[in-house]
């Protein structure tokens, strides 16, 4: 920001900089207002799903995968349920709605962590999965693309899926390799 101000002052473009700052702030507020409704809706639906027992059902459905990725936590544990809700929200492309579930999952995993100053293998795996963030339906991205004039906001799905699957696979393999290497030492 400082460099922008200095360059604008040196080149005599302070008025253009001021206009850009004001219009950018206005667009940011508009974007937040247009997306907050979607975020509230999905966060509410995810809370209803949790209260309605869908979380438990999904935990059981995903239990073979969860056991492999997070072997330290029983399937019915609060940590597994929060992990499942986070992954489900990410699959729906609701990164902002997934964040509270991710924080809850990390808190629940930390409660069962033997070493409170170091992340355990499951916590690291959870971060890897969240970073790769496979999204079957990228709802937030589609809303952004539509807002900014895309005629077909979902036309990027195949490339997103391929990229996400590759990055998720590489991340899981790397995490498992490092897990085994660290367990040996």
N, C-alpha and C. Protein backbone atom coordinates (compact mmCIF):
# COMPACT_ATOMS: atom_id res chain seq x y z
N UNK A 1 0.83 -1.19 0.00
CA UNK A 1 0.00 0.00 0.00
C UNK A 1 0.87 1.24 0.00
N UNK A 2 1.94 1.19 0.78
CA UNK A 2 2.82 2.34 0.86
C UNK A 2 3.46 2.62 -0.50
N UNK A 3 3.88 1.58 -1.19
CA UNK A 3 4.49 1.73 -2.51
C UNK A 3 3.48 2.33 -3.49
N UNK A 4 2.22 1.90 -3.40
CA UNK A 4 1.17 2.45 -4.27
C UNK A 4 0.98 3.93 -4.02
N UNK A 5 0.97 4.33 -2.77
CA UNK A 5 0.79 5.75 -2.44
C UNK A 5 1.98 6.56 -2.95
N UNK A 6 3.19 6.04 -2.74
CA UNK A 6 4.38 6.76 -3.21
C UNK A 6 4.37 6.88 -4.73
N UNK A 7 4.07 5.77 -5.43
CA UNK A 7 4.03 5.81 -6.91
C UNK A 7 2.95 6.77 -7.40
N UNK A 8 1.80 6.77 -6.76
CA UNK A 8 0.73 7.69 -7.16
C UNK A 8 1.14 9.14 -6.93
N UNK A 9 1.83 9.40 -5.84
CA UNK A 9 2.28 10.77 -5.55
C UNK A 9 3.35 11.22 -6.55
N UNK A 10 4.27 10.33 -6.87
CA UNK A 10 5.36 10.67 -7.79
C UNK A 10 4.83 10.88 -9.21
N UNK A 11 3.88 10.06 -9.63
CA UNK A 11 3.36 10.16 -11.00
C UNK A 11 2.19 11.12 -11.12
N UNK A 12 1.76 11.71 -10.03
CA UNK A 12 0.65 12.66 -10.08
C UNK A 12 -0.71 12.01 -10.25
N UNK A 13 -0.87 10.79 -9.76
CA UNK A 13 -2.13 10.06 -9.93
C UNK A 13 -2.84 9.82 -8.59
N UNK A 14 -2.72 10.72 -7.67
CA UNK A 14 -3.37 10.57 -6.37
C UNK A 14 -4.89 10.51 -6.49
N UNK A 15 -5.44 11.29 -7.41
CA UNK A 15 -6.90 11.27 -7.59
C UNK A 15 -7.37 9.90 -8.07
N UNK A 16 -6.63 9.30 -9.01
CA UNK A 16 -6.99 7.97 -9.51
C UNK A 16 -6.87 6.93 -8.39
N UNK A 17 -5.83 7.06 -7.57
CA UNK A 17 -5.66 6.15 -6.45
C UNK A 17 -6.83 6.27 -5.47
N UNK A 18 -7.20 7.50 -5.16
CA UNK A 18 -8.32 7.73 -4.24
C UNK A 18 -9.61 7.14 -4.78
N UNK A 19 -9.87 7.35 -6.06
CA UNK A 19 -11.08 6.79 -6.69
C UNK A 19 -11.07 5.27 -6.66
N UNK A 20 -9.92 4.68 -6.91
CA UNK A 20 -9.81 3.21 -6.90
C UNK A 20 -10.04 2.65 -5.50
N UNK A 21 -9.48 3.33 -4.50
CA UNK A 21 -9.66 2.87 -3.12
C UNK A 21 -11.14 2.93 -2.74
N UNK A 22 -11.80 4.01 -3.06
CA UNK A 22 -13.21 4.16 -2.71
C UNK A 22 -14.09 3.17 -3.46
N UNK A 23 -13.85 2.99 -4.75
CA UNK A 23 -14.68 2.05 -5.51
C UNK A 23 -14.40 0.62 -5.07
N UNK A 24 -13.15 0.30 -4.73
CA UNK A 24 -12.82 -1.04 -4.24
C UNK A 24 -13.50 -1.34 -2.92
N UNK A 25 -13.53 -0.36 -2.04
CA UNK A 25 -14.22 -0.54 -0.76
C UNK A 25 -15.70 -0.75 -0.96
N UNK A 26 -16.28 0.02 -1.88
CA UNK A 26 -17.71 -0.12 -2.17
C UNK A 26 -18.02 -1.50 -2.75
N UNK A 27 -17.18 -1.97 -3.66
CA UNK A 27 -17.38 -3.30 -4.25
C UNK A 27 -17.23 -4.40 -3.19
N UNK A 28 -16.29 -4.22 -2.26
CA UNK A 28 -16.09 -5.23 -1.21
C UNK A 28 -17.33 -5.34 -0.33
N UNK A 29 -17.90 -4.21 0.04
CA UNK A 29 -19.11 -4.23 0.86
C UNK A 29 -20.26 -4.88 0.10
N UNK A 30 -20.40 -4.56 -1.16
CA UNK A 30 -21.44 -5.15 -2.00
C UNK A 30 -21.27 -6.66 -2.11
N UNK A 31 -20.05 -7.09 -2.28
CA UNK A 31 -19.76 -8.53 -2.39
C UNK A 31 -20.11 -9.25 -1.08
N UNK A 32 -19.74 -8.66 0.03
CA UNK A 32 -20.04 -9.28 1.32
C UNK A 32 -21.54 -9.39 1.53
N UNK A 33 -22.27 -8.35 1.21
CA UNK A 33 -23.73 -8.38 1.39
C UNK A 33 -24.36 -9.43 0.49
N UNK A 34 -23.86 -9.56 -0.74
CA UNK A 34 -24.46 -10.53 -1.66
C UNK A 34 -24.14 -11.97 -1.28
N UNK A 35 -23.03 -12.21 -0.60
CA UNK A 35 -22.68 -13.59 -0.25
C UNK A 35 -23.06 -13.98 1.17
N UNK A 36 -23.32 -13.02 2.03
CA UNK A 36 -23.61 -13.35 3.42
C UNK A 36 -24.92 -14.15 3.56
N UNK A 37 -25.88 -13.87 2.71
CA UNK A 37 -27.13 -14.63 2.75
C UNK A 37 -26.90 -16.10 2.47
N UNK A 38 -26.08 -16.38 1.45
CA UNK A 38 -25.76 -17.77 1.11
C UNK A 38 -25.01 -18.44 2.24
N UNK A 39 -24.08 -17.74 2.84
CA UNK A 39 -23.31 -18.31 3.94
C UNK A 39 -24.20 -18.61 5.14
N UNK A 40 -25.10 -17.71 5.46
CA UNK A 40 -26.02 -17.93 6.59
C UNK A 40 -26.94 -19.12 6.32
N UNK A 41 -27.45 -19.20 5.10
CA UNK A 41 -28.34 -20.30 4.74
C UNK A 41 -27.63 -21.64 4.92
N UNK A 42 -26.45 -21.80 4.34
CA UNK A 42 -25.75 -23.08 4.40
C UNK A 42 -25.26 -23.40 5.80
N UNK A 43 -24.81 -22.40 6.55
CA UNK A 43 -24.40 -22.65 7.92
C UNK A 43 -25.59 -23.14 8.74
N UNK A 44 -26.74 -22.51 8.56
CA UNK A 44 -27.96 -22.94 9.25
C UNK A 44 -28.37 -24.34 8.86
N UNK A 45 -28.31 -24.64 7.57
CA UNK A 45 -28.66 -26.00 7.12
C UNK A 45 -27.71 -27.04 7.70
N UNK A 46 -26.44 -26.70 7.79
CA UNK A 46 -25.48 -27.63 8.37
C UNK A 46 -25.75 -27.85 9.86
N UNK A 47 -26.17 -26.81 10.57
CA UNK A 47 -26.52 -26.95 11.99
C UNK A 47 -27.76 -27.83 12.14
N UNK A 48 -28.74 -27.63 11.26
CA UNK A 48 -29.94 -28.46 11.30
C UNK A 48 -29.59 -29.91 10.99
N UNK A 49 -28.70 -30.12 10.02
CA UNK A 49 -28.26 -31.48 9.70
C UNK A 49 -27.59 -32.13 10.89
N UNK A 50 -26.82 -31.35 11.63
CA UNK A 50 -26.14 -31.89 12.81
C UNK A 50 -27.16 -32.27 13.88
N UNK A 51 -28.12 -31.39 14.15
CA UNK A 51 -29.14 -31.67 15.17
C UNK A 51 -30.07 -32.81 14.74
N UNK A 52 -30.29 -32.96 13.43
CA UNK A 52 -31.17 -33.99 12.92
C UNK A 52 -30.54 -35.37 12.80
N UNK A 53 -29.27 -35.48 13.14
CA UNK A 53 -28.61 -36.78 13.10
C UNK A 53 -27.93 -37.11 11.79
N UNK A 54 -27.96 -36.19 10.85
CA UNK A 54 -27.32 -36.46 9.56
C UNK A 54 -25.81 -36.58 9.75
N UNK A 55 -25.28 -35.85 10.71
CA UNK A 55 -23.85 -35.93 10.99
C UNK A 55 -23.46 -37.33 11.39
N UNK A 56 -24.23 -37.93 12.26
CA UNK A 56 -23.94 -39.30 12.69
C UNK A 56 -24.04 -40.26 11.52
N UNK A 57 -25.06 -40.07 10.69
CA UNK A 57 -25.23 -40.93 9.51
C UNK A 57 -24.03 -40.79 8.57
N UNK A 58 -23.61 -39.54 8.31
CA UNK A 58 -22.47 -39.32 7.42
C UNK A 58 -21.18 -39.88 8.03
N UNK A 59 -21.03 -39.77 9.35
CA UNK A 59 -19.86 -40.34 10.01
C UNK A 59 -19.80 -41.85 9.80
N UNK A 60 -20.95 -42.51 9.90
CA UNK A 60 -21.00 -43.96 9.68
C UNK A 60 -20.76 -44.29 8.21
N UNK A 61 -21.33 -43.47 7.31
CA UNK A 61 -21.16 -43.70 5.87
C UNK A 61 -19.69 -43.55 5.46
N UNK A 62 -19.05 -42.53 6.00
CA UNK A 62 -17.65 -42.26 5.67
C UNK A 62 -16.68 -42.97 6.60
N UNK A 63 -17.18 -43.86 7.47
CA UNK A 63 -16.33 -44.47 8.50
C UNK A 63 -15.10 -45.19 7.94
N UNK A 64 -15.18 -45.93 6.84
CA UNK A 64 -13.93 -46.57 6.35
C UNK A 64 -12.86 -45.53 5.98
N UNK A 65 -13.29 -44.45 5.36
CA UNK A 65 -12.34 -43.41 4.97
C UNK A 65 -11.82 -42.67 6.20
N UNK A 66 -12.75 -42.35 7.13
CA UNK A 66 -12.35 -41.64 8.34
C UNK A 66 -11.41 -42.48 9.21
N UNK A 67 -11.64 -43.80 9.26
CA UNK A 67 -10.76 -44.68 10.04
C UNK A 67 -9.35 -44.68 9.47
N UNK A 68 -9.26 -44.66 8.13
CA UNK A 68 -7.95 -44.65 7.48
C UNK A 68 -7.24 -43.32 7.69
N UNK A 69 -7.98 -42.23 7.51
CA UNK A 69 -7.37 -40.90 7.59
C UNK A 69 -7.15 -40.42 9.02
N UNK A 70 -8.08 -40.78 9.91
CA UNK A 70 -8.04 -40.30 11.30
C UNK A 70 -8.18 -41.48 12.26
N UNK A 71 -7.19 -42.36 12.33
CA UNK A 71 -7.33 -43.59 13.12
C UNK A 71 -7.37 -43.36 14.63
N UNK A 72 -7.00 -42.18 15.09
CA UNK A 72 -6.93 -41.92 16.53
C UNK A 72 -8.29 -41.63 17.15
N UNK A 73 -9.33 -41.44 16.32
CA UNK A 73 -10.63 -41.03 16.86
C UNK A 73 -11.72 -42.05 16.53
N UNK A 74 -12.51 -42.45 17.53
CA UNK A 74 -13.63 -43.34 17.26
C UNK A 74 -14.66 -42.65 16.35
N UNK A 75 -15.40 -43.42 15.59
CA UNK A 75 -16.35 -42.88 14.62
C UNK A 75 -17.44 -42.05 15.29
N UNK A 76 -17.87 -42.41 16.47
CA UNK A 76 -18.94 -41.68 17.15
C UNK A 76 -18.45 -40.51 18.00
N UNK A 77 -17.16 -40.25 17.96
CA UNK A 77 -16.61 -39.18 18.80
C UNK A 77 -17.00 -37.80 18.25
N UNK A 78 -17.03 -36.80 19.12
CA UNK A 78 -17.32 -35.44 18.66
C UNK A 78 -16.31 -34.96 17.61
N UNK A 79 -15.06 -35.42 17.72
CA UNK A 79 -14.04 -35.03 16.74
C UNK A 79 -14.40 -35.57 15.35
N UNK A 80 -14.80 -36.83 15.27
CA UNK A 80 -15.17 -37.43 13.98
C UNK A 80 -16.39 -36.74 13.37
N UNK A 81 -17.36 -36.40 14.21
CA UNK A 81 -18.55 -35.72 13.71
C UNK A 81 -18.21 -34.33 13.16
N UNK A 82 -17.35 -33.60 13.89
CA UNK A 82 -16.96 -32.27 13.42
C UNK A 82 -16.12 -32.37 12.15
N UNK A 83 -15.25 -33.36 12.07
CA UNK A 83 -14.46 -33.59 10.85
C UNK A 83 -15.39 -33.86 9.69
N UNK A 84 -16.38 -34.72 9.91
CA UNK A 84 -17.33 -35.08 8.86
C UNK A 84 -18.13 -33.86 8.39
N UNK A 85 -18.58 -33.04 9.32
CA UNK A 85 -19.32 -31.82 8.95
C UNK A 85 -18.45 -30.87 8.16
N UNK A 86 -17.20 -30.74 8.56
CA UNK A 86 -16.28 -29.87 7.85
C UNK A 86 -16.04 -30.36 6.43
N UNK A 87 -15.80 -31.65 6.29
CA UNK A 87 -15.56 -32.22 4.96
C UNK A 87 -16.80 -32.09 4.09
N UNK A 88 -17.97 -32.31 4.66
CA UNK A 88 -19.22 -32.17 3.91
C UNK A 88 -19.41 -30.74 3.43
N UNK A 89 -19.17 -29.77 4.30
CA UNK A 89 -19.31 -28.36 3.90
C UNK A 89 -18.30 -28.02 2.81
N UNK A 90 -17.09 -28.54 2.92
CA UNK A 90 -16.10 -28.28 1.88
C UNK A 90 -16.48 -28.94 0.57
N UNK A 91 -17.05 -30.15 0.62
CA UNK A 91 -17.50 -30.81 -0.61
C UNK A 91 -18.56 -29.99 -1.33
N UNK A 92 -19.37 -29.28 -0.55
CA UNK A 92 -20.41 -28.43 -1.14
C UNK A 92 -19.87 -27.07 -1.54
N UNK A 93 -18.58 -26.85 -1.36
CA UNK A 93 -17.97 -25.59 -1.74
C UNK A 93 -18.29 -24.45 -0.80
N UNK A 94 -18.57 -24.77 0.44
CA UNK A 94 -18.96 -23.77 1.43
C UNK A 94 -17.84 -23.56 2.43
N UNK A 95 -16.71 -23.09 1.93
CA UNK A 95 -15.54 -22.91 2.77
C UNK A 95 -15.81 -22.05 3.99
N UNK A 96 -16.57 -20.99 3.82
CA UNK A 96 -16.86 -20.12 4.96
C UNK A 96 -17.75 -20.81 5.98
N UNK A 97 -18.67 -21.64 5.52
CA UNK A 97 -19.51 -22.39 6.45
C UNK A 97 -18.73 -23.54 7.08
N UNK A 98 -17.70 -24.02 6.39
CA UNK A 98 -16.89 -25.12 6.91
C UNK A 98 -15.94 -24.68 8.01
N UNK A 99 -15.59 -23.40 8.02
CA UNK A 99 -14.61 -22.91 8.99
C UNK A 99 -15.00 -23.17 10.44
N UNK A 100 -16.23 -22.86 10.87
CA UNK A 100 -16.57 -23.15 12.27
C UNK A 100 -16.48 -24.64 12.60
N UNK A 101 -16.84 -25.50 11.65
CA UNK A 101 -16.74 -26.94 11.88
C UNK A 101 -15.27 -27.36 11.96
N UNK A 102 -14.43 -26.73 11.16
CA UNK A 102 -13.00 -27.02 11.21
C UNK A 102 -12.39 -26.63 12.54
N UNK A 103 -12.79 -25.47 13.04
CA UNK A 103 -12.29 -25.02 14.35
C UNK A 103 -12.76 -25.97 15.44
N UNK A 104 -14.03 -26.36 15.37
CA UNK A 104 -14.57 -27.31 16.35
C UNK A 104 -13.84 -28.64 16.27
N UNK A 105 -13.58 -29.11 15.05
CA UNK A 105 -12.86 -30.38 14.88
C UNK A 105 -11.47 -30.32 15.50
N UNK A 106 -10.76 -29.23 15.26
CA UNK A 106 -9.41 -29.10 15.82
C UNK A 106 -9.46 -29.03 17.35
N UNK A 107 -10.46 -28.36 17.90
CA UNK A 107 -10.58 -28.30 19.36
C UNK A 107 -10.85 -29.69 19.93
N UNK A 108 -11.73 -30.44 19.27
CA UNK A 108 -12.05 -31.80 19.74
C UNK A 108 -10.83 -32.72 19.58
N UNK A 109 -10.08 -32.57 18.49
CA UNK A 109 -8.89 -33.39 18.31
C UNK A 109 -7.83 -33.03 19.35
N UNK A 110 -7.73 -31.75 19.68
CA UNK A 110 -6.75 -31.31 20.68
C UNK A 110 -7.07 -31.88 22.05
N UNK A 111 -8.35 -32.04 22.38
CA UNK A 111 -8.74 -32.62 23.67
C UNK A 111 -8.19 -34.04 23.81
N UNK A 112 -8.10 -34.77 22.69
CA UNK A 112 -7.63 -36.16 22.73
C UNK A 112 -6.14 -36.28 22.40
N UNK A 113 -5.48 -35.15 22.18
CA UNK A 113 -4.07 -35.15 21.82
C UNK A 113 -3.22 -35.33 23.08
N UNK A 114 -2.32 -36.30 23.04
CA UNK A 114 -1.46 -36.56 24.20
C UNK A 114 -0.44 -35.46 24.43
N UNK A 115 0.05 -34.87 23.36
CA UNK A 115 1.05 -33.81 23.47
C UNK A 115 0.39 -32.49 23.08
N UNK A 116 0.10 -31.67 24.05
CA UNK A 116 -0.67 -30.45 23.79
C UNK A 116 0.09 -29.38 23.01
N UNK A 117 1.40 -29.55 22.86
CA UNK A 117 2.20 -28.54 22.16
C UNK A 117 2.52 -28.93 20.72
N UNK A 118 2.15 -30.13 20.31
CA UNK A 118 2.46 -30.61 18.97
C UNK A 118 1.22 -31.23 18.35
N UNK A 119 0.98 -30.94 17.10
CA UNK A 119 -0.15 -31.54 16.39
C UNK A 119 0.11 -33.02 16.17
N UNK A 120 -0.92 -33.83 16.36
CA UNK A 120 -0.76 -35.26 16.08
C UNK A 120 -0.98 -35.51 14.59
N UNK A 121 -0.79 -36.76 14.17
CA UNK A 121 -0.89 -37.10 12.75
C UNK A 121 -2.26 -36.79 12.17
N UNK A 122 -3.31 -37.04 12.93
CA UNK A 122 -4.66 -36.78 12.44
C UNK A 122 -4.91 -35.28 12.26
N UNK A 123 -4.37 -34.48 13.13
CA UNK A 123 -4.52 -33.03 13.00
C UNK A 123 -3.82 -32.53 11.74
N UNK A 124 -2.64 -33.07 11.48
CA UNK A 124 -1.92 -32.70 10.26
C UNK A 124 -2.70 -33.14 9.03
N UNK A 125 -3.24 -34.35 9.06
CA UNK A 125 -4.03 -34.86 7.93
C UNK A 125 -5.25 -33.98 7.70
N UNK A 126 -5.87 -33.53 8.78
CA UNK A 126 -7.04 -32.66 8.66
C UNK A 126 -6.68 -31.34 7.97
N UNK A 127 -5.55 -30.78 8.32
CA UNK A 127 -5.10 -29.55 7.67
C UNK A 127 -4.83 -29.79 6.19
N UNK A 128 -4.21 -30.93 5.86
CA UNK A 128 -3.94 -31.26 4.46
C UNK A 128 -5.24 -31.37 3.67
N UNK A 129 -6.23 -32.06 4.22
CA UNK A 129 -7.51 -32.24 3.54
C UNK A 129 -8.22 -30.90 3.35
N UNK A 130 -8.17 -30.05 4.36
CA UNK A 130 -8.80 -28.74 4.25
C UNK A 130 -8.08 -27.84 3.25
N UNK A 131 -6.78 -27.98 3.16
CA UNK A 131 -6.02 -27.17 2.22
C UNK A 131 -6.34 -27.58 0.79
N UNK A 132 -6.42 -28.88 0.53
CA UNK A 132 -6.76 -29.36 -0.81
C UNK A 132 -8.21 -29.06 -1.15
N UNK A 133 -9.10 -29.21 -0.20
CA UNK A 133 -10.51 -28.84 -0.29
C UNK A 133 -11.19 -29.28 -1.58
N UNK A 134 -11.43 -30.57 -1.69
CA UNK A 134 -12.19 -31.09 -2.83
C UNK A 134 -13.62 -30.55 -2.75
N UNK A 135 -14.07 -29.92 -3.82
CA UNK A 135 -15.41 -29.33 -3.85
C UNK A 135 -16.19 -29.94 -5.01
N UNK A 136 -17.24 -30.67 -4.68
CA UNK A 136 -18.11 -31.25 -5.71
C UNK A 136 -18.96 -30.14 -6.33
N UNK A 137 -19.48 -29.29 -5.47
CA UNK A 137 -20.30 -28.16 -5.92
C UNK A 137 -19.69 -26.88 -5.33
N UNK A 138 -18.89 -26.16 -6.10
CA UNK A 138 -18.27 -24.94 -5.57
C UNK A 138 -19.27 -23.78 -5.55
N UNK A 139 -20.17 -23.80 -4.59
CA UNK A 139 -21.27 -22.83 -4.54
C UNK A 139 -20.78 -21.39 -4.43
N UNK A 140 -19.83 -21.15 -3.55
CA UNK A 140 -19.35 -19.78 -3.35
C UNK A 140 -18.68 -19.26 -4.62
N UNK A 141 -17.86 -20.08 -5.24
CA UNK A 141 -17.19 -19.67 -6.47
C UNK A 141 -18.20 -19.41 -7.59
N UNK A 142 -19.23 -20.23 -7.68
CA UNK A 142 -20.26 -20.03 -8.70
C UNK A 142 -20.99 -18.71 -8.49
N UNK A 143 -21.27 -18.38 -7.23
CA UNK A 143 -21.94 -17.11 -6.95
C UNK A 143 -21.05 -15.94 -7.36
N UNK A 144 -19.75 -16.04 -7.07
CA UNK A 144 -18.82 -14.98 -7.48
C UNK A 144 -18.76 -14.85 -8.99
N UNK A 145 -18.65 -15.99 -9.68
CA UNK A 145 -18.57 -15.95 -11.14
C UNK A 145 -19.84 -15.37 -11.75
N UNK A 146 -20.98 -15.75 -11.20
CA UNK A 146 -22.25 -15.22 -11.71
C UNK A 146 -22.36 -13.72 -11.44
N UNK A 147 -21.95 -13.30 -10.25
CA UNK A 147 -22.03 -11.88 -9.89
C UNK A 147 -21.19 -11.03 -10.83
N UNK A 148 -20.06 -11.56 -11.27
CA UNK A 148 -19.17 -10.79 -12.13
C UNK A 148 -19.36 -11.10 -13.62
N UNK A 149 -20.54 -11.64 -13.98
CA UNK A 149 -20.94 -11.71 -15.37
C UNK A 149 -20.72 -13.00 -16.11
N UNK A 150 -20.36 -14.06 -15.43
CA UNK A 150 -20.16 -15.33 -16.13
C UNK A 150 -21.51 -15.87 -16.61
N UNK A 151 -21.55 -16.27 -17.86
CA UNK A 151 -22.78 -16.84 -18.42
C UNK A 151 -22.98 -18.27 -17.91
N UNK A 152 -21.88 -18.99 -17.75
CA UNK A 152 -21.93 -20.37 -17.26
C UNK A 152 -21.00 -20.50 -16.06
N UNK A 153 -21.49 -20.17 -14.86
CA UNK A 153 -20.60 -20.15 -13.69
C UNK A 153 -20.02 -21.51 -13.30
N UNK A 154 -20.65 -22.59 -13.73
CA UNK A 154 -20.15 -23.92 -13.37
C UNK A 154 -19.31 -24.57 -14.47
N UNK A 155 -18.96 -23.85 -15.51
CA UNK A 155 -18.23 -24.47 -16.62
C UNK A 155 -16.79 -24.84 -16.28
N UNK A 156 -16.30 -24.43 -15.14
CA UNK A 156 -14.94 -24.76 -14.73
C UNK A 156 -14.87 -26.02 -13.86
N UNK A 157 -16.02 -26.66 -13.65
CA UNK A 157 -16.07 -27.82 -12.75
C UNK A 157 -15.08 -28.93 -13.10
N UNK A 158 -15.03 -29.41 -14.35
CA UNK A 158 -14.11 -30.53 -14.62
C UNK A 158 -12.65 -30.22 -14.27
N UNK A 159 -12.19 -29.05 -14.62
CA UNK A 159 -10.80 -28.71 -14.29
C UNK A 159 -10.60 -28.56 -12.78
N UNK A 160 -11.60 -28.03 -12.08
CA UNK A 160 -11.51 -27.92 -10.62
C UNK A 160 -11.46 -29.30 -9.97
N UNK A 161 -12.31 -30.21 -10.45
CA UNK A 161 -12.34 -31.55 -9.88
C UNK A 161 -11.01 -32.27 -10.08
N UNK A 162 -10.49 -32.21 -11.30
CA UNK A 162 -9.22 -32.89 -11.60
C UNK A 162 -8.10 -32.33 -10.74
N UNK A 163 -8.01 -31.01 -10.67
CA UNK A 163 -6.97 -30.37 -9.88
C UNK A 163 -7.10 -30.71 -8.40
N UNK A 164 -8.32 -30.65 -7.88
CA UNK A 164 -8.54 -30.93 -6.46
C UNK A 164 -8.26 -32.39 -6.13
N UNK A 165 -8.66 -33.31 -7.00
CA UNK A 165 -8.41 -34.73 -6.74
C UNK A 165 -6.91 -35.02 -6.74
N UNK A 166 -6.20 -34.43 -7.68
CA UNK A 166 -4.75 -34.63 -7.73
C UNK A 166 -4.08 -34.05 -6.49
N UNK A 167 -4.44 -32.82 -6.13
CA UNK A 167 -3.79 -32.21 -4.96
C UNK A 167 -4.16 -32.94 -3.67
N UNK A 168 -5.40 -33.38 -3.56
CA UNK A 168 -5.83 -34.13 -2.38
C UNK A 168 -5.10 -35.46 -2.28
N UNK A 169 -5.00 -36.16 -3.39
CA UNK A 169 -4.30 -37.46 -3.40
C UNK A 169 -2.83 -37.30 -3.04
N UNK A 170 -2.17 -36.34 -3.66
CA UNK A 170 -0.76 -36.10 -3.36
C UNK A 170 -0.58 -35.69 -1.89
N UNK A 171 -1.47 -34.84 -1.40
CA UNK A 171 -1.38 -34.41 -0.01
C UNK A 171 -1.56 -35.56 0.97
N UNK A 172 -2.54 -36.42 0.73
CA UNK A 172 -2.79 -37.56 1.63
C UNK A 172 -1.61 -38.53 1.58
N UNK A 173 -1.12 -38.81 0.38
CA UNK A 173 0.02 -39.73 0.26
C UNK A 173 1.24 -39.16 0.98
N UNK A 174 1.51 -37.87 0.78
CA UNK A 174 2.66 -37.25 1.45
C UNK A 174 2.49 -37.27 2.96
N UNK A 175 1.30 -36.97 3.45
CA UNK A 175 1.06 -36.98 4.89
C UNK A 175 1.25 -38.38 5.46
N UNK A 176 0.76 -39.40 4.76
CA UNK A 176 0.91 -40.78 5.24
C UNK A 176 2.37 -41.22 5.20
N UNK A 177 3.12 -40.81 4.16
CA UNK A 177 4.55 -41.15 4.09
C UNK A 177 5.30 -40.50 5.25
N UNK A 178 5.06 -39.22 5.49
CA UNK A 178 5.74 -38.54 6.59
C UNK A 178 5.30 -39.11 7.95
N UNK A 179 4.04 -39.52 8.04
CA UNK A 179 3.56 -40.13 9.28
C UNK A 179 4.33 -41.40 9.58
N UNK A 180 4.51 -42.23 8.56
CA UNK A 180 5.24 -43.50 8.76
C UNK A 180 6.71 -43.24 9.05
N UNK A 181 7.28 -42.23 8.37
CA UNK A 181 8.68 -41.90 8.61
C UNK A 181 8.88 -41.41 10.05
N UNK A 182 7.96 -40.59 10.54
CA UNK A 182 8.08 -40.06 11.90
C UNK A 182 7.82 -41.14 12.94
N UNK A 183 6.94 -42.08 12.63
CA UNK A 183 6.65 -43.15 13.57
C UNK A 183 7.85 -44.08 13.76
N UNK A 184 8.70 -44.20 12.74
CA UNK A 184 9.90 -45.04 12.84
C UNK A 184 10.92 -44.42 13.78
N UNK A 185 10.93 -43.11 13.85
CA UNK A 185 11.94 -42.43 14.67
C UNK A 185 11.32 -42.01 15.92
